[in-house]
Amino acid sequence: MAGQFARVQRNTDGQALNITLTIRDGSSNVLGTHTLNLPALGHKAFLLTDPKLGYLETANTRGTLEFTTPSNGQMSVLGLRFNPNFAFTSIPAWSK
């Protein structure tokens, strides 16, 4: 199970939120843009390279994920990276 796992959670008021996800490679080129629809106080969890729930443009590449909320939106992000031996580490997140 090599891959990355990301979890996004809406953590404030009771309104649904549309989050823009921008995927960039190591040179900051945009590989894809997607919209994550989060229900009020909801969350989503996904493996980046999952064929149905993930984002295949992240396979075999290094880069960044940029989550953009509307001006009134707030969320938290947790990223975990796994290696083939099931060891894992967290991936740092920061806000702009």
C-alpha atoms as a PDB file:
ATOM      1  CA  MET A   1       0.000   0.000   0.000  1.00  0.00           C
ATOM      2  CA  ALA A   2       2.294   2.746  -1.188  1.00  0.00           C
ATOM      3  CA  GLY A   3       0.654   6.105  -1.606  1.00  0.00           C
ATOM      4  CA  GLN A   4      -0.617   9.184   0.119  1.00  0.00           C
ATOM      5  CA  PHE A   5      -3.748   9.624   2.201  1.00  0.00           C
ATOM      6  CA  ALA A   6      -5.369  13.005   2.710  1.00  0.00           C
ATOM      7  CA  ARG A   7      -8.262  14.003   4.899  1.00  0.00           C
ATOM      8  CA  VAL A   8     -10.134  17.278   4.676  1.00  0.00           C
ATOM      9  CA  GLN A   9     -12.579  18.354   7.355  1.00  0.00           C
ATOM     10  CA  ARG A  10     -14.972  21.268   7.626  1.00  0.00           C
ATOM     11  CA  ASN A  11     -14.526  22.434  11.174  1.00  0.00           C
ATOM     12  CA  THR A  12     -16.658  25.492  11.862  1.00  0.00           C
ATOM     13  CA  ASP A  13     -20.276  26.509  11.185  1.00  0.00           C
ATOM     14  CA  GLY A  14     -23.086  24.366   9.815  1.00  0.00           C
ATOM     15  CA  GLN A  15     -22.928  25.361   6.144  1.00  0.00           C
ATOM     16  CA  ALA A  16     -21.812  23.220   3.210  1.00  0.00           C
ATOM     17  CA  LEU A  17     -18.521  24.220   1.588  1.00  0.00           C
ATOM     18  CA  ASN A  18     -17.080  23.942  -1.932  1.00  0.00           C
ATOM     19  CA  ILE A  19     -13.288  23.749  -1.810  1.00  0.00           C
ATOM     20  CA  THR A  20     -11.084  24.151  -4.881  1.00  0.00           C
ATOM     21  CA  LEU A  21      -8.233  21.633  -5.046  1.00  0.00           C
ATOM     22  CA  THR A  22      -5.310  22.606  -7.287  1.00  0.00           C
ATOM     23  CA  ILE A  23      -2.693  19.908  -7.959  1.00  0.00           C
ATOM     24  CA  ARG A  24       0.795  21.125  -8.892  1.00  0.00           C
ATOM     25  CA  ASP A  25       3.981  19.297  -9.823  1.00  0.00           C
ATOM     26  CA  GLY A  26       7.397  20.007  -8.313  1.00  0.00           C
ATOM     27  CA  SER A  27       7.875  22.950 -10.716  1.00  0.00           C
ATOM     28  CA  SER A  28       4.508  24.499  -9.720  1.00  0.00           C
ATOM     29  CA  ASN A  29       2.859  23.574 -13.034  1.00  0.00           C
ATOM     30  CA  VAL A  30      -0.875  22.917 -12.606  1.00  0.00           C
ATOM     31  CA  LEU A  31      -1.682  19.245 -13.247  1.00  0.00           C
ATOM     32  CA  GLY A  32      -5.370  19.477 -12.394  1.00  0.00           C
ATOM     33  CA  THR A  33      -8.100  21.455 -10.653  1.00  0.00           C
ATOM     34  CA  HIS A  34     -11.050  19.870  -8.854  1.00  0.00           C
ATOM     35  CA  THR A  35     -13.911  20.859  -6.547  1.00  0.00           C
ATOM     36  CA  LEU A  36     -14.450  19.098  -3.221  1.00  0.00           C
ATOM     37  CA  ASN A  37     -18.009  19.394  -1.930  1.00  0.00           C
ATOM     38  CA  LEU A  38     -18.083  19.082   1.853  1.00  0.00           C
ATOM     39  CA  PRO A  39     -21.378  18.877   3.723  1.00  0.00           C
ATOM     40  CA  ALA A  40     -21.927  20.973   6.835  1.00  0.00           C
ATOM     41  CA  LEU A  41     -19.508  19.804   9.554  1.00  0.00           C
ATOM     42  CA  GLY A  42     -18.539  16.929   7.241  1.00  0.00           C
ATOM     43  CA  HIS A  43     -15.269  15.440   6.078  1.00  0.00           C
ATOM     44  CA  LYS A  44     -13.767  13.511   3.181  1.00  0.00           C
ATOM     45  CA  ALA A  45     -10.971  10.972   3.231  1.00  0.00           C
ATOM     46  CA  PHE A  46      -9.259   9.645   0.119  1.00  0.00           C
ATOM     47  CA  LEU A  47      -6.151   7.984  -1.240  1.00  0.00           C
ATOM     48  CA  LEU A  48      -4.704  10.337  -3.854  1.00  0.00           C
ATOM     49  CA  THR A  49      -4.098   7.627  -6.452  1.00  0.00           C
ATOM     50  CA  ASP A  50      -7.398   5.754  -5.917  1.00  0.00           C
ATOM     51  CA  PRO A  51      -8.958   5.179  -9.386  1.00  0.00           C
ATOM     52  CA  LYS A  52     -12.493   6.135  -8.224  1.00  0.00           C
ATOM     53  CA  LEU A  53     -12.082   8.586  -5.341  1.00  0.00           C
ATOM     54  CA  GLY A  54      -8.592   9.962  -5.942  1.00  0.00           C
ATOM     55  CA  TYR A  55      -6.709  12.118  -8.394  1.00  0.00           C
ATOM     56  CA  LEU A  56      -4.725  10.019 -10.857  1.00  0.00           C
ATOM     57  CA  GLU A  57      -2.583  12.954 -12.021  1.00  0.00           C
ATOM     58  CA  THR A  58      -0.745  12.650  -8.677  1.00  0.00           C
ATOM     59  CA  ALA A  59       0.606   9.166  -9.502  1.00  0.00           C
ATOM     60  CA  ASN A  60       4.388   8.909  -9.777  1.00  0.00           C
ATOM     61  CA  THR A  61       4.934  12.620  -9.319  1.00  0.00           C
ATOM     62  CA  ARG A  62       6.054  14.973  -6.593  1.00  0.00           C
ATOM     63  CA  GLY A  63       4.307  18.238  -5.907  1.00  0.00           C
ATOM     64  CA  THR A  64       1.741  20.074  -3.824  1.00  0.00           C
ATOM     65  CA  LEU A  65      -1.990  20.119  -3.182  1.00  0.00           C
ATOM     66  CA  GLU A  66      -3.541  23.548  -2.739  1.00  0.00           C
ATOM     67  CA  PHE A  67      -6.939  23.683  -1.000  1.00  0.00           C
ATOM     68  CA  THR A  68      -8.773  27.012  -1.474  1.00  0.00           C
ATOM     69  CA  THR A  69     -11.882  27.842   0.534  1.00  0.00           C
ATOM     70  CA  PRO A  70     -14.396  30.612  -0.132  1.00  0.00           C
ATOM     71  CA  SER A  71     -13.662  33.788   1.834  1.00  0.00           C
ATOM     72  CA  ASN A  72     -15.989  32.725   4.666  1.00  0.00           C
ATOM     73  CA  GLY A  73     -14.823  29.088   4.734  1.00  0.00           C
ATOM     74  CA  GLN A  74     -12.552  27.297   7.174  1.00  0.00           C
ATOM     75  CA  MET A  75     -11.223  23.764   7.126  1.00  0.00           C
ATOM     76  CA  SER A  76      -8.481  21.569   8.482  1.00  0.00           C
ATOM     77  CA  VAL A  77      -6.259  19.188   6.527  1.00  0.00           C
ATOM     78  CA  LEU A  78      -4.336  16.121   7.593  1.00  0.00           C
ATOM     79  CA  GLY A  79      -1.982  14.379   5.170  1.00  0.00           C
ATOM     80  CA  LEU A  80      -0.318  11.019   5.740  1.00  0.00           C
ATOM     81  CA  ARG A  81       2.319   9.381   3.539  1.00  0.00           C
ATOM     82  CA  PHE A  82       2.790   5.603   3.565  1.00  0.00           C
ATOM     83  CA  ASN A  83       5.633   3.477   2.182  1.00  0.00           C
ATOM     84  CA  PRO A  84       5.351  -0.148   0.947  1.00  0.00           C
ATOM     85  CA  ASN A  85       6.284  -1.454   4.428  1.00  0.00           C
ATOM     86  CA  PHE A  86       3.301   0.379   5.965  1.00  0.00           C
ATOM     87  CA  ALA A  87       5.454   2.891   7.820  1.00  0.00           C
ATOM     88  CA  PHE A  88       3.949   6.359   7.688  1.00  0.00           C
ATOM     89  CA  THR A  89       4.646   9.983   8.429  1.00  0.00           C
ATOM     90  CA  SER A  90       2.524  13.115   8.445  1.00  0.00           C
ATOM     91  CA  ILE A  91       2.749  15.654   5.665  1.00  0.00           C
ATOM     92  CA  PRO A  92       3.014  19.264   6.864  1.00  0.00           C
ATOM     93  CA  ALA A  93       0.229  21.698   5.968  1.00  0.00           C
ATOM     94  CA  TRP A  94       0.427  25.473   6.035  1.00  0.00           C
ATOM     95  CA  SER A  95      -1.838  28.339   5.099  1.00  0.00           C
ATOM     96  CA  LYS A  96      -1.078  31.157   2.717  1.00  0.00           C
END
